[in-house]
Every structure is written in structure tokens, then in C-alpha cells.
């Protein structure tokens, strides 16, 4: 059973997973920082939720459908640099 098809798809999947796990850990760190005055058990639960979410993320990415946003897609297109036209010497 070959779910990802080729090595390029597998690499793209791993990169997407690592980006999303990084965001999850940053969110967990921000939550733990906000809970600095609370009990250690509560902060531990926040870290545990972040770690367990990161462990389940690859399975959820394979099983759940992708979500595409027109607004976010337009924003992403806005931030991509234009291609350089070497013949005219401009972008």
C-alpha cells in the first residue's frame, strides 16, 4: 500500500507535518507562558496536549479532507514575489 505515491510527495508531506507541528509547539509554548502563575499540573496538561496533538497530526492529515480558503489563498498569492524577466531587466 503506497499512500503517498512517490518520494516527492512523501517529502512534501513531511515538510507540511513539520511546519504544522512547529506551529502547534509555538502555540503550546505561548499557552504555557500565559499560565506561568498557575499550577505545574495545568502547565503540564498544556504541554501534553501539544505533544499528543503533534503525534496525531500525520494521521489526521491523511484521513481528513483538506481545507482550502479563498481568502488565505489570495493572501498567499499576494506575498509571493514576482518572477524576474531577465530579457527586460525587471520584475
PDB file of N, CA and C in Angstrom:
ATOM      1  N   UNK A   1       0.842  -1.174   0.000  1.00  0.00           N
ATOM      2  CA  UNK A   1       0.000   0.000   0.000  1.00  0.00           C
ATOM      3  C   UNK A   1       0.884   1.233   0.000  1.00  0.00           C
ATOM      4  N   UNK A   2       0.808   2.030  -1.026  1.00  0.00           N
ATOM      5  CA  UNK A   2       1.629   3.217  -1.166  1.00  0.00           C
ATOM      6  C   UNK A   2       0.734   4.452  -1.095  1.00  0.00           C
ATOM      7  N   UNK A   3       0.611   5.034   0.099  1.00  0.00           N
ATOM      8  CA  UNK A   3      -0.307   6.149   0.294  1.00  0.00           C
ATOM      9  C   UNK A   3       0.185   7.440  -0.342  1.00  0.00           C
ATOM     10  N   UNK A   4       1.480   7.674  -0.309  1.00  0.00           N
ATOM     11  CA  UNK A   4       1.986   8.961  -0.753  1.00  0.00           C
ATOM     12  C   UNK A   4       2.480   8.961  -2.193  1.00  0.00           C
ATOM     13  N   UNK A   5       2.597   7.825  -2.829  1.00  0.00           N
ATOM     14  CA  UNK A   5       2.909   7.776  -4.238  1.00  0.00           C
ATOM     15  C   UNK A   5       4.375   7.817  -4.580  1.00  0.00           C
ATOM     16  N   UNK A   6       5.065   8.864  -4.277  1.00  0.00           N
ATOM     17  CA  UNK A   6       6.459   8.992  -4.666  1.00  0.00           C
ATOM     18  C   UNK A   6       7.243   9.682  -3.554  1.00  0.00           C
ATOM     19  N   UNK A   7       8.545   9.731  -3.746  1.00  0.00           N
ATOM     20  CA  UNK A   7       9.381  10.351  -2.725  1.00  0.00           C
ATOM     21  C   UNK A   7       9.138  11.851  -2.638  1.00  0.00           C
ATOM     22  N   UNK A   8       8.771  12.506  -3.753  1.00  0.00           N
ATOM     23  CA  UNK A   8       8.487  13.937  -3.712  1.00  0.00           C
ATOM     24  C   UNK A   8       7.246  14.218  -2.875  1.00  0.00           C
ATOM     25  N   UNK A   9       6.216  13.385  -3.038  1.00  0.00           N
ATOM     26  CA  UNK A   9       5.007  13.556  -2.230  1.00  0.00           C
ATOM     27  C   UNK A   9       5.286  13.278  -0.759  1.00  0.00           C
ATOM     28  N   UNK A  10       6.100  12.267  -0.482  1.00  0.00           N
ATOM     29  CA  UNK A  10       6.435  11.951   0.905  1.00  0.00           C
ATOM     30  C   UNK A  10       7.213  13.088   1.541  1.00  0.00           C
ATOM     31  N   UNK A  11       8.150  13.677   0.793  1.00  0.00           N
ATOM     32  CA  UNK A  11       8.918  14.804   1.318  1.00  0.00           C
ATOM     33  C   UNK A  11       8.024  16.013   1.550  1.00  0.00           C
ATOM     34  N   UNK A  12       7.116  16.280   0.632  1.00  0.00           N
ATOM     35  CA  UNK A  12       6.183  17.394   0.809  1.00  0.00           C
ATOM     36  C   UNK A  12       5.292  17.155   2.027  1.00  0.00           C
ATOM     37  N   UNK A  13       4.871  15.914   2.223  1.00  0.00           N
ATOM     38  CA  UNK A  13       4.046  15.570   3.384  1.00  0.00           C
ATOM     39  C   UNK A  13       4.819  15.780   4.684  1.00  0.00           C
ATOM     40  N   UNK A  14       6.070  15.339   4.712  1.00  0.00           N
ATOM     41  CA  UNK A  14       6.885  15.513   5.917  1.00  0.00           C
ATOM     42  C   UNK A  14       7.169  16.978   6.206  1.00  0.00           C
ATOM     43  N   UNK A  15       7.396  17.764   5.186  1.00  0.00           N
ATOM     44  CA  UNK A  15       7.625  19.198   5.386  1.00  0.00           C
ATOM     45  C   UNK A  15       6.362  19.867   5.909  1.00  0.00           C
ATOM     46  N   UNK A  16       5.209  19.512   5.346  1.00  0.00           N
ATOM     47  CA  UNK A  16       3.943  20.077   5.826  1.00  0.00           C
ATOM     48  C   UNK A  16       3.688  19.681   7.275  1.00  0.00           C
ATOM     49  N   UNK A  17       3.977  18.429   7.615  1.00  0.00           N
ATOM     50  CA  UNK A  17       3.806  17.987   9.002  1.00  0.00           C
ATOM     51  C   UNK A  17       4.734  18.743   9.942  1.00  0.00           C
ATOM     52  N   UNK A  18       5.982  18.918   9.550  1.00  0.00           N
ATOM     53  CA  UNK A  18       6.930  19.602  10.424  1.00  0.00           C
ATOM     54  C   UNK A  18       6.546  21.070  10.617  1.00  0.00           C
ATOM     55  N   UNK A  19       6.020  21.714   9.571  1.00  0.00           N
ATOM     56  CA  UNK A  19       5.566  23.097   9.718  1.00  0.00           C
ATOM     57  C   UNK A  19       4.392  23.189  10.687  1.00  0.00           C
ATOM     58  N   UNK A  20       3.443  22.287  10.549  1.00  0.00           N
ATOM     59  CA  UNK A  20       2.265  22.321  11.415  1.00  0.00           C
ATOM     60  C   UNK A  20       2.605  21.953  12.855  1.00  0.00           C
ATOM     61  N   UNK A  21       3.527  21.022  13.044  1.00  0.00           N
ATOM     62  CA  UNK A  21       3.946  20.656  14.396  1.00  0.00           C
ATOM     63  C   UNK A  21       4.682  21.825  15.049  1.00  0.00           C
ATOM     64  N   UNK A  22       5.460  22.558  14.266  1.00  0.00           N
ATOM     65  CA  UNK A  22       6.141  23.734  14.794  1.00  0.00           C
ATOM     66  C   UNK A  22       5.121  24.759  15.282  1.00  0.00           C
ATOM     67  N   UNK A  23       4.077  24.974  14.510  1.00  0.00           N
ATOM     68  CA  UNK A  23       3.026  25.910  14.924  1.00  0.00           C
ATOM     69  C   UNK A  23       2.337  25.408  16.193  1.00  0.00           C
ATOM     70  N   UNK A  24       2.073  24.106  16.271  1.00  0.00           N
ATOM     71  CA  UNK A  24       1.459  23.545  17.477  1.00  0.00           C
ATOM     72  C   UNK A  24       2.331  23.758  18.713  1.00  0.00           C
ATOM     73  N   UNK A  25       3.633  23.535  18.576  1.00  0.00           N
ATOM     74  CA  UNK A  25       4.530  23.715  19.717  1.00  0.00           C
ATOM     75  C   UNK A  25       4.669  25.185  20.103  1.00  0.00           C
ATOM     76  N   UNK A  26       4.642  26.072  19.134  1.00  0.00           N
ATOM     77  CA  UNK A  26       4.678  27.502  19.457  1.00  0.00           C
ATOM     78  C   UNK A  26       3.414  27.898  20.201  1.00  0.00           C
ATOM     79  N   UNK A  27       2.265  27.392  19.768  1.00  0.00           N
ATOM     80  CA  UNK A  27       1.018  27.679  20.484  1.00  0.00           C
ATOM     81  C   UNK A  27       1.042  27.105  21.895  1.00  0.00           C
ATOM     82  N   UNK A  28       1.560  25.893  22.054  1.00  0.00           N
ATOM     83  CA  UNK A  28       1.655  25.304  23.392  1.00  0.00           C
ATOM     84  C   UNK A  28       2.592  26.127  24.274  1.00  0.00           C
ATOM     85  N   UNK A  29       3.698  26.595  23.710  1.00  0.00           N
ATOM     86  CA  UNK A  29       4.639  27.412  24.475  1.00  0.00           C
ATOM     87  C   UNK A  29       3.991  28.728  24.890  1.00  0.00           C
ATOM     88  N   UNK A  30       3.215  29.353  23.985  1.00  0.00           N
ATOM     89  CA  UNK A  30       2.526  30.596  24.338  1.00  0.00           C
ATOM     90  C   UNK A  30       1.488  30.376  25.436  1.00  0.00           C
ATOM     91  N   UNK A  31       0.790  29.262  25.362  1.00  0.00           N
ATOM     92  CA  UNK A  31      -0.206  28.949  26.395  1.00  0.00           C
ATOM     93  C   UNK A  31       0.482  28.722  27.733  1.00  0.00           C
ATOM     94  N   UNK A  32       1.585  27.971  27.725  1.00  0.00           N
ATOM     95  CA  UNK A  32       2.309  27.714  28.969  1.00  0.00           C
ATOM     96  C   UNK A  32       2.882  29.012  29.533  1.00  0.00           C
ATOM     97  N   UNK A  33       3.349  29.900  28.664  1.00  0.00           N
ATOM     98  CA  UNK A  33       3.855  31.192  29.122  1.00  0.00           C
ATOM     99  C   UNK A  33       2.739  32.015  29.752  1.00  0.00           C
ATOM    100  N   UNK A  34       1.549  31.964  29.166  1.00  0.00           N
ATOM    101  CA  UNK A  34       0.410  32.686  29.732  1.00  0.00           C
ATOM    102  C   UNK A  34      -0.030  32.080  31.066  1.00  0.00           C
ATOM    103  N   UNK A  35       0.231  30.790  31.262  1.00  0.00           N
ATOM    104  CA  UNK A  35      -0.153  30.102  32.502  1.00  0.00           C
ATOM    105  C   UNK A  35       0.981  30.085  33.527  1.00  0.00           C
ATOM    106  N   UNK A  36       1.929  30.987  33.410  1.00  0.00           N
ATOM    107  CA  UNK A  36       3.106  30.970  34.275  1.00  0.00           C
ATOM    108  C   UNK A  36       2.745  30.992  35.767  1.00  0.00           C
ATOM    109  N   UNK A  37       1.735  31.716  36.158  1.00  0.00           N
ATOM    110  CA  UNK A  37       1.362  31.806  37.564  1.00  0.00           C
ATOM    111  C   UNK A  37       0.482  30.663  38.053  1.00  0.00           C
ATOM    112  N   UNK A  38       0.070  29.799  37.155  1.00  0.00           N
ATOM    113  CA  UNK A  38      -0.820  28.696  37.528  1.00  0.00           C
ATOM    114  C   UNK A  38      -0.014  27.484  38.002  1.00  0.00           C
ATOM    115  N   UNK A  39      -0.723  26.430  38.331  1.00  0.00           N
ATOM    116  CA  UNK A  39      -0.056  25.241  38.863  1.00  0.00           C
ATOM    117  C   UNK A  39       0.757  24.528  37.780  1.00  0.00           C
ATOM    118  N   UNK A  40       1.727  23.761  38.248  1.00  0.00           N
ATOM    119  CA  UNK A  40       2.572  22.999  37.325  1.00  0.00           C
ATOM    120  C   UNK A  40       1.759  21.927  36.602  1.00  0.00           C
ATOM    121  N   UNK A  41       0.739  21.400  37.258  1.00  0.00           N
ATOM    122  CA  UNK A  41      -0.087  20.375  36.636  1.00  0.00           C
ATOM    123  C   UNK A  41      -0.833  20.936  35.424  1.00  0.00           C
ATOM    124  N   UNK A  42      -1.325  22.155  35.534  1.00  0.00           N
ATOM    125  CA  UNK A  42      -2.028  22.767  34.422  1.00  0.00           C
ATOM    126  C   UNK A  42      -1.079  23.033  33.251  1.00  0.00           C
ATOM    127  N   UNK A  43       0.119  23.497  33.550  1.00  0.00           N
ATOM    128  CA  UNK A  43       1.118  23.714  32.500  1.00  0.00           C
ATOM    129  C   UNK A  43       1.533  22.387  31.873  1.00  0.00           C
ATOM    130  N   UNK A  44       1.622  21.354  32.682  1.00  0.00           N
ATOM    131  CA  UNK A  44       1.943  20.022  32.163  1.00  0.00           C
ATOM    132  C   UNK A  44       0.860  19.537  31.208  1.00  0.00           C
ATOM    133  N   UNK A  45      -0.403  19.790  31.539  1.00  0.00           N
ATOM    134  CA  UNK A  45      -1.503  19.394  30.662  1.00  0.00           C
ATOM    135  C   UNK A  45      -1.430  20.136  29.326  1.00  0.00           C
ATOM    136  N   UNK A  46      -1.025  21.399  29.355  1.00  0.00           N
ATOM    137  CA  UNK A  46      -0.892  22.159  28.110  1.00  0.00           C
ATOM    138  C   UNK A  46       0.207  21.562  27.233  1.00  0.00           C
ATOM    139  N   UNK A  47       1.368  21.225  27.839  1.00  0.00           N
ATOM    140  CA  UNK A  47       2.444  20.599  27.067  1.00  0.00           C
ATOM    141  C   UNK A  47       2.018  19.224  26.563  1.00  0.00           C
ATOM    142  N   UNK A  48       1.336  18.466  27.396  1.00  0.00           N
ATOM    143  CA  UNK A  48       0.899  17.124  26.987  1.00  0.00           C
ATOM    144  C   UNK A  48      -0.094  17.206  25.825  1.00  0.00           C
ATOM    145  N   UNK A  49      -0.989  18.188  25.868  1.00  0.00           N
ATOM    146  CA  UNK A  49      -1.937  18.358  24.758  1.00  0.00           C
ATOM    147  C   UNK A  49      -1.207  18.709  23.472  1.00  0.00           C
ATOM    148  N   UNK A  50      -0.183  19.552  23.553  1.00  0.00           N
ATOM    149  CA  UNK A  50       0.594  19.900  22.368  1.00  0.00           C
ATOM    150  C   UNK A  50       1.341  18.711  21.797  1.00  0.00           C
ATOM    151  N   UNK A  51       1.942  17.922  22.669  1.00  0.00           N
ATOM    152  CA  UNK A  51       2.704  16.747  22.210  1.00  0.00           C
ATOM    153  C   UNK A  51       1.778  15.690  21.627  1.00  0.00           C
ATOM    154  N   UNK A  52       0.666  15.417  22.287  1.00  0.00           N
ATOM    155  CA  UNK A  52      -0.276  14.420  21.766  1.00  0.00           C
ATOM    156  C   UNK A  52      -0.893  14.880  20.446  1.00  0.00           C
ATOM    157  N   UNK A  53      -1.149  16.170  20.312  1.00  0.00           N
ATOM    158  CA  UNK A  53      -1.671  16.694  19.047  1.00  0.00           C
ATOM    159  C   UNK A  53      -0.655  16.518  17.931  1.00  0.00           C
ATOM    160  N   UNK A  54       0.616  16.741  18.256  1.00  0.00           N
ATOM    161  CA  UNK A  54       1.652  16.590  17.225  1.00  0.00           C
ATOM    162  C   UNK A  54       1.823  15.130  16.822  1.00  0.00           C
ATOM    163  N   UNK A  55       1.597  14.213  17.736  1.00  0.00           N
ATOM    164  CA  UNK A  55       1.695  12.795  17.388  1.00  0.00           C
ATOM    165  C   UNK A  55       0.541  12.342  16.501  1.00  0.00           C
ATOM    166  N   UNK A  56      -0.631  12.908  16.693  1.00  0.00           N
ATOM    167  CA  UNK A  56      -1.793  12.534  15.891  1.00  0.00           C
ATOM    168  C   UNK A  56      -1.911  13.294  14.581  1.00  0.00           C
ATOM    169  N   UNK A  57      -1.135  14.354  14.430  1.00  0.00           N
ATOM    170  CA  UNK A  57      -1.258  15.204  13.253  1.00  0.00           C
ATOM    171  C   UNK A  57      -1.049  14.482  11.922  1.00  0.00           C
ATOM    172  N   UNK A  58      -0.020  13.659  11.747  1.00  0.00           N
ATOM    173  CA  UNK A  58       0.136  12.978  10.448  1.00  0.00           C
ATOM    174  C   UNK A  58      -1.050  12.084  10.083  1.00  0.00           C
ATOM    175  N   UNK A  59      -1.604  11.391  11.052  1.00  0.00           N
ATOM    176  CA  UNK A  59      -2.765  10.534  10.765  1.00  0.00           C
ATOM    177  C   UNK A  59      -3.968  11.376  10.373  1.00  0.00           C
ATOM    178  N   UNK A  60      -4.168  12.499  11.081  1.00  0.00           N
ATOM    179  CA  UNK A  60      -5.293  13.365  10.748  1.00  0.00           C
ATOM    180  C   UNK A  60      -5.117  13.989   9.362  1.00  0.00           C
ATOM    181  N   UNK A  61      -3.881  14.314   8.996  1.00  0.00           N
ATOM    182  CA  UNK A  61      -3.640  14.895   7.675  1.00  0.00           C
ATOM    183  C   UNK A  61      -3.954  13.898   6.568  1.00  0.00           C
ATOM    184  N   UNK A  62      -3.714  12.620   6.809  1.00  0.00           N
ATOM    185  CA  UNK A  62      -4.008  11.604   5.799  1.00  0.00           C
ATOM    186  C   UNK A  62      -5.491  11.239   5.746  1.00  0.00           C
ATOM    187  N   UNK A  63      -6.162  11.267   6.896  1.00  0.00           N
ATOM    188  CA  UNK A  63      -7.539  10.796   6.965  1.00  0.00           C
ATOM    189  C   UNK A  63      -8.584  11.870   6.699  1.00  0.00           C
ATOM    190  N   UNK A  64      -8.311  13.105   7.095  1.00  0.00           N
ATOM    191  CA  UNK A  64      -9.307  14.160   6.962  1.00  0.00           C
ATOM    192  C   UNK A  64      -9.136  14.905   5.642  1.00  0.00           C
ATOM    193  N   UNK A  65     -10.224  15.464   5.124  1.00  0.00           N
ATOM    194  CA  UNK A  65     -10.106  16.202   3.858  1.00  0.00           C
ATOM    195  C   UNK A  65      -9.365  17.528   4.065  1.00  0.00           C
ATOM    196  N   UNK A  66      -8.763  18.006   2.994  1.00  0.00           N
ATOM    197  CA  UNK A  66      -8.032  19.274   3.045  1.00  0.00           C
ATOM    198  C   UNK A  66      -9.022  20.427   3.078  1.00  0.00           C
ATOM    199  N   UNK A  67      -8.620  21.501   3.731  1.00  0.00           N
ATOM    200  CA  UNK A  67      -9.445  22.695   3.801  1.00  0.00           C
ATOM    201  C   UNK A  67      -8.726  23.809   3.074  1.00  0.00           C
ATOM    202  N   UNK A  68      -9.390  24.411   2.094  1.00  0.00           N
ATOM    203  CA  UNK A  68      -8.799  25.487   1.318  1.00  0.00           C
ATOM    204  C   UNK A  68      -9.632  26.740   1.513  1.00  0.00           C
ATOM    205  N   UNK A  69      -8.964  27.859   1.745  1.00  0.00           N
ATOM    206  CA  UNK A  69      -9.632  29.129   1.964  1.00  0.00           C
ATOM    207  C   UNK A  69      -9.288  30.073   0.813  1.00  0.00           C
ATOM    208  N   UNK A  70     -10.303  30.668   0.226  1.00  0.00           N
ATOM    209  CA  UNK A  70     -10.070  31.617  -0.854  1.00  0.00           C
ATOM    210  C   UNK A  70      -9.362  32.862  -0.336  1.00  0.00           C
ATOM    211  N   UNK A  71      -9.701  33.280   0.867  1.00  0.00           N
ATOM    212  CA  UNK A  71      -9.084  34.476   1.452  1.00  0.00           C
ATOM    213  C   UNK A  71      -7.604  34.231   1.719  1.00  0.00           C
ATOM    214  N   UNK A  72      -7.274  33.096   2.348  1.00  0.00           N
ATOM    215  CA  UNK A  72      -5.878  32.803   2.630  1.00  0.00           C
ATOM    216  C   UNK A  72      -5.091  32.518   1.361  1.00  0.00           C
ATOM    217  N   UNK A  73      -5.722  31.909   0.369  1.00  0.00           N
ATOM    218  CA  UNK A  73      -5.048  31.668  -0.898  1.00  0.00           C
ATOM    219  C   UNK A  73      -4.717  32.973  -1.610  1.00  0.00           C
ATOM    220  N   UNK A  74      -5.638  33.944  -1.547  1.00  0.00           N
ATOM    221  CA  UNK A  74      -5.371  35.254  -2.132  1.00  0.00           C
ATOM    222  C   UNK A  74      -4.262  35.981  -1.403  1.00  0.00           C
ATOM    223  N   UNK A  75      -4.213  35.837  -0.086  1.00  0.00           N
ATOM    224  CA  UNK A  75      -3.156  36.466   0.694  1.00  0.00           C
ATOM    225  C   UNK A  75      -1.810  35.831   0.391  1.00  0.00           C
ATOM    226  N   UNK A  76      -1.787  34.518   0.194  1.00  0.00           N
ATOM    227  CA  UNK A  76      -0.539  33.837  -0.140  1.00  0.00           C
ATOM    228  C   UNK A  76      -0.044  34.264  -1.516  1.00  0.00           C
ATOM    229  N   UNK A  77      -0.959  34.435  -2.465  1.00  0.00           N
ATOM    230  CA  UNK A  77      -0.555  34.889  -3.796  1.00  0.00           C
ATOM    231  C   UNK A  77      -0.017  36.313  -3.747  1.00  0.00           C
ATOM    232  N   UNK A  78      -0.529  37.116  -2.843  1.00  0.00           N
ATOM    233  CA  UNK A  78      -0.068  38.496  -2.694  1.00  0.00           C
ATOM    234  C   UNK A  78       1.379  38.549  -2.204  1.00  0.00           C
ATOM    235  N   UNK A  79       1.781  37.611  -1.361  1.00  0.00           N
ATOM    236  CA  UNK A  79       3.115  37.644  -0.773  1.00  0.00           C
ATOM    237  C   UNK A  79       4.178  36.962  -1.615  1.00  0.00           C
ATOM    238  N   UNK A  80       3.807  36.204  -2.637  1.00  0.00           N
ATOM    239  CA  UNK A  80       4.806  35.554  -3.486  1.00  0.00           C
ATOM    240  C   UNK A  80       5.464  36.595  -4.376  1.00  0.00           C
ATOM    241  N   UNK A  81       6.794  36.578  -4.453  1.00  0.00           N
ATOM    242  CA  UNK A  81       7.468  37.565  -5.312  1.00  0.00           C
ATOM    243  C   UNK A  81       7.207  37.282  -6.785  1.00  0.00           C
ATOM    244  N   UNK A  82       7.208  38.336  -7.548  1.00  0.00           N
ATOM    245  CA  UNK A  82       7.041  38.179  -8.985  1.00  0.00           C
ATOM    246  C   UNK A  82       8.319  37.610  -9.586  1.00  0.00           C
ATOM    247  N   UNK A  83       8.185  37.012 -10.748  1.00  0.00           N
ATOM    248  CA  UNK A  83       9.339  36.403 -11.402  1.00  0.00           C
ATOM    249  C   UNK A  83      10.150  37.471 -12.123  1.00  0.00           C
ATOM    250  N   UNK A  84      11.437  37.279 -12.150  1.00  0.00           N
ATOM    251  CA  UNK A  84      12.353  38.209 -12.785  1.00  0.00           C
ATOM    252  C   UNK A  84      12.412  37.940 -14.277  1.00  0.00           C
ATOM    253  N   UNK A  85      12.227  38.975 -15.071  1.00  0.00           N
ATOM    254  CA  UNK A  85      12.337  38.866 -16.517  1.00  0.00           C
ATOM    255  C   UNK A  85      13.732  39.333 -16.920  1.00  0.00           C
ATOM    256  N   UNK A  86      14.608  38.367 -17.177  1.00  0.00           N
ATOM    257  CA  UNK A  86      15.995  38.684 -17.473  1.00  0.00           C
ATOM    258  C   UNK A  86      16.177  39.471 -18.770  1.00  0.00           C
ATOM    259  N   UNK A  87      15.272  39.277 -19.736  1.00  0.00           N
ATOM    260  CA  UNK A  87      15.411  39.979 -21.015  1.00  0.00           C
ATOM    261  C   UNK A  87      15.168  41.484 -20.869  1.00  0.00           C
ATOM    262  N   UNK A  88      14.221  41.836 -20.017  1.00  0.00           N
ATOM    263  CA  UNK A  88      13.892  43.255 -19.848  1.00  0.00           C
ATOM    264  C   UNK A  88      14.606  43.872 -18.653  1.00  0.00           C
ATOM    265  N   UNK A  89      15.195  43.041 -17.806  1.00  0.00           N
ATOM    266  CA  UNK A  89      15.902  43.554 -16.643  1.00  0.00           C
ATOM    267  C   UNK A  89      15.007  44.075 -15.547  1.00  0.00           C
ATOM    268  N   UNK A  90      13.806  43.553 -15.466  1.00  0.00           N
ATOM    269  CA  UNK A  90      12.871  43.979 -14.412  1.00  0.00           C
ATOM    270  C   UNK A  90      11.999  42.807 -13.979  1.00  0.00           C
ATOM    271  N   UNK A  91      11.244  43.065 -12.925  1.00  0.00           N
ATOM    272  CA  UNK A  91      10.361  42.040 -12.367  1.00  0.00           C
ATOM    273  C   UNK A  91       9.011  42.073 -12.989  1.00  0.00           C
TER     274      UNK A  91
END
